[in-house]
Amino acid sequence: MTSLSRLVFLLLMTILTACSSIYYSGLEKIGIPKRDVMVHRVEKARDTQEETKQQFKSALEQFTAVTHFQGGDLEATYQKLNGEYEASVQKAEEVKKRIADIEDVSNALFSEWETELTQYGNAALRQNSQQKLTATRAQYEQLIAAMRRAEARIEPVLSVFRDQVLYLKHNLNAQAIVSLKGQLSTVQSDVSALVSAMEKSINEADAFINTMEKP
């Protein structure tokens, strides 16, 4: 990265951080604290992961159906598979954005929390708050790690889908179907690993939400 590129990047990050601060301050003025925003974003990310899990299952079903093609309109079959691929790409982008949104508000929340620790006059209350911060951050890091692991499972599946959809697009014949059959076991294995990772991430999200919602 050149000096100019680095300067532009830092400037953009400063602007985005300032915008986020203004946004969260505005929400707090109408009674919505960062903690509630964080919980809401984790809920949205959890729901998006559930939708993504179902979408990739649907894509796998269509991929499998193509390998069983026995005749008919292969162009229409391709269009269905391509539609499932494009829907999967869209869900992958949503997952990425949801995680980034959580990270953004969490940074603001933990930064504020640490600053407020210095404002306590009562040592016992400060220690109690510090313990809660440490516990919350640890569970948050566990959640984000699970979400990132699930997200990392997406690209291998998309990569195979992308290759096969492109190949089928330009080779609407029996040879293309044979090619898809050769990749079926790989796709099934990758989708299975993705679904498993998504389910673990969803469970982590539920646990985090329950902890944050406790009085």
C-alpha atoms as a PDB file:
ATOM      1  CA  MET A   1       0.000   0.000   0.000  1.00  0.00           C
ATOM      2  CA  THR A   2       1.449   3.355  -1.057  1.00  0.00           C
ATOM      3  CA  SER A   3       1.655   6.341   1.260  1.00  0.00           C
ATOM      4  CA  LEU A   4      -1.217   8.013  -0.591  1.00  0.00           C
ATOM      5  CA  SER A   5      -3.371   4.872  -0.446  1.00  0.00           C
ATOM      6  CA  ARG A   6      -2.647   4.493   3.260  1.00  0.00           C
ATOM      7  CA  LEU A   7      -3.603   8.121   3.862  1.00  0.00           C
ATOM      8  CA  VAL A   8      -6.876   7.731   1.951  1.00  0.00           C
ATOM      9  CA  PHE A   9      -7.654   4.517   3.856  1.00  0.00           C
ATOM     10  CA  LEU A  10      -7.020   6.163   7.232  1.00  0.00           C
ATOM     11  CA  LEU A  11      -9.139   9.153   6.216  1.00  0.00           C
ATOM     12  CA  LEU A  12     -12.025   6.920   5.209  1.00  0.00           C
ATOM     13  CA  MET A  13     -11.762   4.965   8.453  1.00  0.00           C
ATOM     14  CA  THR A  14     -11.800   8.206  10.441  1.00  0.00           C
ATOM     15  CA  ILE A  15     -14.893   9.405   8.590  1.00  0.00           C
ATOM     16  CA  LEU A  16     -16.687   6.080   9.067  1.00  0.00           C
ATOM     17  CA  THR A  17     -15.800   5.997  12.761  1.00  0.00           C
ATOM     18  CA  ALA A  18     -17.087   9.542  13.204  1.00  0.00           C
ATOM     19  CA  CYS A  19     -20.294   8.658  11.367  1.00  0.00           C
ATOM     20  CA  SER A  20     -20.791   5.598  13.584  1.00  0.00           C
ATOM     21  CA  SER A  21     -20.229   7.674  16.727  1.00  0.00           C
ATOM     22  CA  ILE A  22     -22.806  10.231  15.603  1.00  0.00           C
ATOM     23  CA  TYR A  23     -25.248   7.454  14.733  1.00  0.00           C
ATOM     24  CA  TYR A  24     -24.931   5.712  18.103  1.00  0.00           C
ATOM     25  CA  SER A  25     -25.117   9.035  19.963  1.00  0.00           C
ATOM     26  CA  GLY A  26     -28.319   9.827  18.128  1.00  0.00           C
ATOM     27  CA  LEU A  27     -29.845   6.498  19.101  1.00  0.00           C
ATOM     28  CA  GLU A  28     -28.885   6.979  22.746  1.00  0.00           C
ATOM     29  CA  LYS A  29     -30.630  10.351  22.760  1.00  0.00           C
ATOM     30  CA  ILE A  30     -33.898   8.599  21.945  1.00  0.00           C
ATOM     31  CA  GLY A  31     -33.315   5.893  24.544  1.00  0.00           C
ATOM     32  CA  ILE A  32     -31.595   3.148  22.526  1.00  0.00           C
ATOM     33  CA  PRO A  33     -28.231   2.258  24.094  1.00  0.00           C
ATOM     34  CA  LYS A  34     -25.368   0.534  22.260  1.00  0.00           C
ATOM     35  CA  ARG A  35     -26.067  -2.640  24.221  1.00  0.00           C
ATOM     36  CA  ASP A  36     -29.541  -2.912  22.667  1.00  0.00           C
ATOM     37  CA  VAL A  37     -28.165  -2.138  19.213  1.00  0.00           C
ATOM     38  CA  MET A  38     -25.611  -4.897  19.655  1.00  0.00           C
ATOM     39  CA  VAL A  39     -28.240  -7.449  20.688  1.00  0.00           C
ATOM     40  CA  HIS A  40     -30.436  -6.456  17.753  1.00  0.00           C
ATOM     41  CA  ARG A  41     -27.553  -6.869  15.307  1.00  0.00           C
ATOM     42  CA  VAL A  42     -26.649 -10.259  16.710  1.00  0.00           C
ATOM     43  CA  GLU A  43     -30.291 -11.284  16.262  1.00  0.00           C
ATOM     44  CA  LYS A  44     -30.224 -10.078  12.653  1.00  0.00           C
ATOM     45  CA  ALA A  45     -26.967 -11.923  12.007  1.00  0.00           C
ATOM     46  CA  ARG A  46     -28.390 -15.098  13.540  1.00  0.00           C
ATOM     47  CA  ASP A  47     -31.513 -14.876  11.368  1.00  0.00           C
ATOM     48  CA  THR A  48     -29.416 -14.195   8.264  1.00  0.00           C
ATOM     49  CA  GLN A  49     -27.266 -17.226   9.004  1.00  0.00           C
ATOM     50  CA  GLU A  50     -30.390 -19.367   9.329  1.00  0.00           C
ATOM     51  CA  GLU A  51     -31.620 -18.058   5.966  1.00  0.00           C
ATOM     52  CA  THR A  52     -28.172 -18.659   4.446  1.00  0.00           C
ATOM     53  CA  LYS A  53     -28.117 -22.213   5.754  1.00  0.00           C
ATOM     54  CA  GLN A  54     -31.482 -22.897   4.116  1.00  0.00           C
ATOM     55  CA  GLN A  55     -30.387 -21.216   0.871  1.00  0.00           C
ATOM     56  CA  PHE A  56     -27.307 -23.400   0.534  1.00  0.00           C
ATOM     57  CA  LYS A  57     -29.385 -26.479   1.244  1.00  0.00           C
ATOM     58  CA  SER A  58     -31.710 -25.395  -1.562  1.00  0.00           C
ATOM     59  CA  ALA A  59     -28.749 -24.799  -3.889  1.00  0.00           C
ATOM     60  CA  LEU A  60     -27.422 -28.272  -3.104  1.00  0.00           C
ATOM     61  CA  GLU A  61     -30.821 -29.777  -3.923  1.00  0.00           C
ATOM     62  CA  GLN A  62     -30.814 -28.026  -7.310  1.00  0.00           C
ATOM     63  CA  PHE A  63     -27.200 -29.054  -7.933  1.00  0.00           C
ATOM     64  CA  THR A  64     -28.143 -32.656  -7.169  1.00  0.00           C
ATOM     65  CA  ALA A  65     -31.207 -32.425  -9.414  1.00  0.00           C
ATOM     66  CA  VAL A  66     -29.019 -31.311 -12.336  1.00  0.00           C
ATOM     67  CA  THR A  67     -26.763 -34.348 -11.928  1.00  0.00           C
ATOM     68  CA  HIS A  68     -29.883 -36.527 -12.291  1.00  0.00           C
ATOM     69  CA  PHE A  69     -30.936 -34.799 -15.511  1.00  0.00           C
ATOM     70  CA  GLN A  70     -32.443 -37.365 -17.879  1.00  0.00           C
ATOM     71  CA  GLY A  71     -33.513 -35.144 -20.747  1.00  0.00           C
ATOM     72  CA  GLY A  72     -35.659 -32.112 -21.422  1.00  0.00           C
ATOM     73  CA  ASP A  73     -34.864 -28.416 -21.352  1.00  0.00           C
ATOM     74  CA  LEU A  74     -31.284 -28.238 -20.136  1.00  0.00           C
ATOM     75  CA  GLU A  75     -31.269 -24.453 -20.563  1.00  0.00           C
ATOM     76  CA  ALA A  76     -34.124 -24.141 -18.066  1.00  0.00           C
ATOM     77  CA  THR A  77     -32.267 -26.472 -15.702  1.00  0.00           C
ATOM     78  CA  TYR A  78     -29.184 -24.278 -15.973  1.00  0.00           C
ATOM     79  CA  GLN A  79     -31.226 -21.153 -15.233  1.00  0.00           C
ATOM     80  CA  LYS A  80     -32.563 -22.725 -12.035  1.00  0.00           C
ATOM     81  CA  LEU A  81     -29.066 -23.692 -10.880  1.00  0.00           C
ATOM     82  CA  ASN A  82     -27.713 -20.245 -11.743  1.00  0.00           C
ATOM     83  CA  GLY A  83     -30.579 -18.661  -9.806  1.00  0.00           C
ATOM     84  CA  GLU A  84     -29.689 -20.710  -6.743  1.00  0.00           C
ATOM     85  CA  TYR A  85     -26.030 -19.743  -7.113  1.00  0.00           C
ATOM     86  CA  GLU A  86     -26.826 -16.025  -7.368  1.00  0.00           C
ATOM     87  CA  ALA A  87     -29.140 -16.238  -4.346  1.00  0.00           C
ATOM     88  CA  SER A  88     -26.339 -17.943  -2.422  1.00  0.00           C
ATOM     89  CA  VAL A  89     -23.889 -15.180  -3.358  1.00  0.00           C
ATOM     90  CA  GLN A  90     -26.360 -12.590  -2.108  1.00  0.00           C
ATOM     91  CA  LYS A  91     -26.763 -14.390   1.212  1.00  0.00           C
ATOM     92  CA  ALA A  92     -22.991 -14.652   1.580  1.00  0.00           C
ATOM     93  CA  GLU A  93     -22.732 -10.870   1.232  1.00  0.00           C
ATOM     94  CA  GLU A  94     -25.481 -10.395   3.814  1.00  0.00           C
ATOM     95  CA  VAL A  95     -23.644 -12.607   6.293  1.00  0.00           C
ATOM     96  CA  LYS A  96     -20.468 -10.595   5.791  1.00  0.00           C
ATOM     97  CA  LYS A  97     -22.299  -7.298   6.348  1.00  0.00           C
ATOM     98  CA  ARG A  98     -24.105  -8.550   9.460  1.00  0.00           C
ATOM     99  CA  ILE A  99     -20.822  -9.581  11.064  1.00  0.00           C
ATOM    100  CA  ALA A 100     -19.232  -6.236  10.214  1.00  0.00           C
ATOM    101  CA  ASP A 101     -22.207  -4.423  11.778  1.00  0.00           C
ATOM    102  CA  ILE A 102     -21.785  -6.390  14.998  1.00  0.00           C
ATOM    103  CA  GLU A 103     -18.071  -5.647  15.126  1.00  0.00           C
ATOM    104  CA  ASP A 104     -18.708  -1.946  14.595  1.00  0.00           C
ATOM    105  CA  VAL A 105     -21.155  -1.534  17.476  1.00  0.00           C
ATOM    106  CA  SER A 106     -19.165  -3.853  19.752  1.00  0.00           C
ATOM    107  CA  ASN A 107     -16.053  -1.714  19.316  1.00  0.00           C
ATOM    108  CA  ALA A 108     -18.057   1.362  20.284  1.00  0.00           C
ATOM    109  CA  LEU A 109     -19.680  -0.375  23.252  1.00  0.00           C
ATOM    110  CA  PHE A 110     -16.490  -1.834  24.723  1.00  0.00           C
ATOM    111  CA  SER A 111     -14.572   1.388  24.190  1.00  0.00           C
ATOM    112  CA  GLU A 112     -17.251   3.351  26.028  1.00  0.00           C
ATOM    113  CA  TRP A 113     -17.403   0.742  28.788  1.00  0.00           C
ATOM    114  CA  GLU A 114     -13.636   0.917  29.363  1.00  0.00           C
ATOM    115  CA  THR A 115     -13.733   4.710  29.496  1.00  0.00           C
ATOM    116  CA  GLU A 116     -16.528   4.677  32.041  1.00  0.00           C
ATOM    117  CA  LEU A 117     -14.561   2.343  34.304  1.00  0.00           C
ATOM    118  CA  THR A 118     -12.189   5.222  35.013  1.00  0.00           C
ATOM    119  CA  GLN A 119     -15.093   7.366  36.199  1.00  0.00           C
ATOM    120  CA  TYR A 120     -16.032   5.225  39.192  1.00  0.00           C
ATOM    121  CA  GLY A 121     -15.293   6.546  42.642  1.00  0.00           C
ATOM    122  CA  ASN A 122     -16.427   3.317  44.299  1.00  0.00           C
ATOM    123  CA  ALA A 123     -13.765   0.620  43.899  1.00  0.00           C
ATOM    124  CA  ALA A 124     -16.185  -2.276  44.478  1.00  0.00           C
ATOM    125  CA  LEU A 125     -18.579  -1.058  41.780  1.00  0.00           C
ATOM    126  CA  ARG A 126     -15.697  -0.504  39.375  1.00  0.00           C
ATOM    127  CA  GLN A 127     -14.398  -4.019  39.976  1.00  0.00           C
ATOM    128  CA  ASN A 128     -17.851  -5.496  39.446  1.00  0.00           C
ATOM    129  CA  SER A 129     -18.270  -3.593  36.197  1.00  0.00           C
ATOM    130  CA  GLN A 130     -14.792  -4.675  35.058  1.00  0.00           C
ATOM    131  CA  GLN A 131     -15.673  -8.305  35.679  1.00  0.00           C
ATOM    132  CA  LYS A 132     -18.861  -7.958  33.648  1.00  0.00           C
ATOM    133  CA  LEU A 133     -16.950  -6.280  30.826  1.00  0.00           C
ATOM    134  CA  THR A 134     -14.367  -9.067  30.778  1.00  0.00           C
ATOM    135  CA  ALA A 135     -17.051 -11.766  30.739  1.00  0.00           C
ATOM    136  CA  THR A 136     -19.109 -10.026  28.049  1.00  0.00           C
ATOM    137  CA  ARG A 137     -16.069  -9.450  25.853  1.00  0.00           C
ATOM    138  CA  ALA A 138     -14.973 -13.085  26.202  1.00  0.00           C
ATOM    139  CA  GLN A 139     -18.387 -14.356  25.152  1.00  0.00           C
ATOM    140  CA  TYR A 140     -18.501 -11.829  22.323  1.00  0.00           C
ATOM    141  CA  GLU A 141     -15.134 -12.997  21.002  1.00  0.00           C
ATOM    142  CA  GLN A 142     -16.366 -16.574  21.134  1.00  0.00           C
ATOM    143  CA  LEU A 143     -19.449 -15.537  19.155  1.00  0.00           C
ATOM    144  CA  ILE A 144     -17.511 -13.633  16.493  1.00  0.00           C
ATOM    145  CA  ALA A 145     -15.045 -16.507  16.119  1.00  0.00           C
ATOM    146  CA  ALA A 146     -17.955 -18.896  15.484  1.00  0.00           C
ATOM    147  CA  MET A 147     -19.490 -16.510  12.959  1.00  0.00           C
ATOM    148  CA  ARG A 148     -16.184 -16.082  11.156  1.00  0.00           C
ATOM    149  CA  ARG A 149     -15.661 -19.846  11.016  1.00  0.00           C
ATOM    150  CA  ALA A 150     -19.104 -20.266   9.481  1.00  0.00           C
ATOM    151  CA  GLU A 151     -18.454 -17.461   7.022  1.00  0.00           C
ATOM    152  CA  ALA A 152     -15.163 -19.091   5.976  1.00  0.00           C
ATOM    153  CA  ARG A 153     -17.088 -22.222   5.013  1.00  0.00           C
ATOM    154  CA  ILE A 154     -19.131 -20.312   2.442  1.00  0.00           C
ATOM    155  CA  GLU A 155     -16.490 -19.534  -0.179  1.00  0.00           C
ATOM    156  CA  PRO A 156     -15.423 -23.161  -0.867  1.00  0.00           C
ATOM    157  CA  VAL A 157     -19.045 -23.992  -1.684  1.00  0.00           C
ATOM    158  CA  LEU A 158     -19.531 -20.884  -3.798  1.00  0.00           C
ATOM    159  CA  SER A 159     -16.303 -21.626  -5.652  1.00  0.00           C
ATOM    160  CA  VAL A 160     -17.499 -25.052  -6.764  1.00  0.00           C
ATOM    161  CA  PHE A 161     -20.959 -23.727  -7.616  1.00  0.00           C
ATOM    162  CA  ARG A 162     -19.399 -20.878  -9.614  1.00  0.00           C
ATOM    163  CA  ASP A 163     -17.174 -23.180 -11.646  1.00  0.00           C
ATOM    164  CA  GLN A 164     -19.933 -25.641 -12.442  1.00  0.00           C
ATOM    165  CA  VAL A 165     -22.497 -22.966 -13.303  1.00  0.00           C
ATOM    166  CA  LEU A 166     -20.013 -21.324 -15.681  1.00  0.00           C
ATOM    167  CA  TYR A 167     -19.119 -24.653 -17.260  1.00  0.00           C
ATOM    168  CA  LEU A 168     -22.753 -25.640 -17.679  1.00  0.00           C
ATOM    169  CA  LYS A 169     -23.544 -22.240 -19.198  1.00  0.00           C
ATOM    170  CA  HIS A 170     -21.227 -22.883 -22.125  1.00  0.00           C
ATOM    171  CA  ASN A 171     -21.660 -26.654 -22.349  1.00  0.00           C
ATOM    172  CA  LEU A 172     -25.340 -27.521 -22.241  1.00  0.00           C
ATOM    173  CA  ASN A 173     -24.794 -31.192 -22.949  1.00  0.00           C
ATOM    174  CA  ALA A 174     -24.345 -34.591 -21.337  1.00  0.00           C
ATOM    175  CA  GLN A 175     -20.619 -34.006 -20.807  1.00  0.00           C
ATOM    176  CA  ALA A 176     -21.394 -31.062 -18.533  1.00  0.00           C
ATOM    177  CA  ILE A 177     -23.755 -33.231 -16.482  1.00  0.00           C
ATOM    178  CA  VAL A 178     -20.987 -35.800 -16.024  1.00  0.00           C
ATOM    179  CA  SER A 179     -18.716 -33.008 -14.792  1.00  0.00           C
ATOM    180  CA  LEU A 180     -21.300 -31.979 -12.201  1.00  0.00           C
ATOM    181  CA  LYS A 181     -21.679 -35.564 -11.037  1.00  0.00           C
ATOM    182  CA  GLY A 182     -17.951 -35.705 -10.401  1.00  0.00           C
ATOM    183  CA  GLN A 183     -18.207 -32.721  -8.066  1.00  0.00           C
ATOM    184  CA  LEU A 184     -21.366 -33.783  -6.240  1.00  0.00           C
ATOM    185  CA  SER A 185     -19.676 -35.517  -3.314  1.00  0.00           C
ATOM    186  CA  THR A 186     -17.374 -32.518  -2.771  1.00  0.00           C
ATOM    187  CA  VAL A 187     -20.311 -30.103  -2.792  1.00  0.00           C
ATOM    188  CA  GLN A 188     -22.298 -32.305  -0.413  1.00  0.00           C
ATOM    189  CA  SER A 189     -19.369 -32.465   2.001  1.00  0.00           C
ATOM    190  CA  ASP A 190     -18.745 -28.703   1.834  1.00  0.00           C
ATOM    191  CA  VAL A 191     -22.414 -27.834   2.318  1.00  0.00           C
ATOM    192  CA  SER A 192     -22.642 -30.259   5.246  1.00  0.00           C
ATOM    193  CA  ALA A 193     -19.629 -28.581   6.899  1.00  0.00           C
ATOM    194  CA  LEU A 194     -21.154 -25.157   6.213  1.00  0.00           C
ATOM    195  CA  VAL A 195     -24.511 -26.093   7.715  1.00  0.00           C
ATOM    196  CA  SER A 196     -22.814 -27.527  10.804  1.00  0.00           C
ATOM    197  CA  ALA A 197     -20.724 -24.363  11.276  1.00  0.00           C
ATOM    198  CA  MET A 198     -23.788 -22.171  10.767  1.00  0.00           C
ATOM    199  CA  GLU A 199     -25.747 -24.107  13.376  1.00  0.00           C
ATOM    200  CA  LYS A 200     -22.929 -23.738  15.907  1.00  0.00           C
ATOM    201  CA  SER A 201     -22.752 -20.017  15.178  1.00  0.00           C
ATOM    202  CA  ILE A 202     -26.522 -19.676  15.561  1.00  0.00           C
ATOM    203  CA  ASN A 203     -26.336 -21.446  18.927  1.00  0.00           C
ATOM    204  CA  GLU A 204     -23.551 -19.087  20.032  1.00  0.00           C
ATOM    205  CA  ALA A 205     -25.698 -16.129  18.984  1.00  0.00           C
ATOM    206  CA  ASP A 206     -28.651 -17.408  21.010  1.00  0.00           C
ATOM    207  CA  ALA A 207     -26.432 -17.888  24.065  1.00  0.00           C
ATOM    208  CA  PHE A 208     -24.977 -14.399  23.686  1.00  0.00           C
ATOM    209  CA  ILE A 209     -28.417 -12.826  23.307  1.00  0.00           C
ATOM    210  CA  ASN A 210     -29.688 -14.602  26.409  1.00  0.00           C
ATOM    211  CA  THR A 211     -26.706 -13.393  28.418  1.00  0.00           C
ATOM    212  CA  MET A 212     -27.072  -9.793  27.237  1.00  0.00           C
ATOM    213  CA  GLU A 213     -30.794  -9.737  27.937  1.00  0.00           C
ATOM    214  CA  LYS A 214     -30.404 -10.871  31.547  1.00  0.00           C
ATOM    215  CA  PRO A 215     -31.182  -8.035  33.983  1.00  0.00           C
END
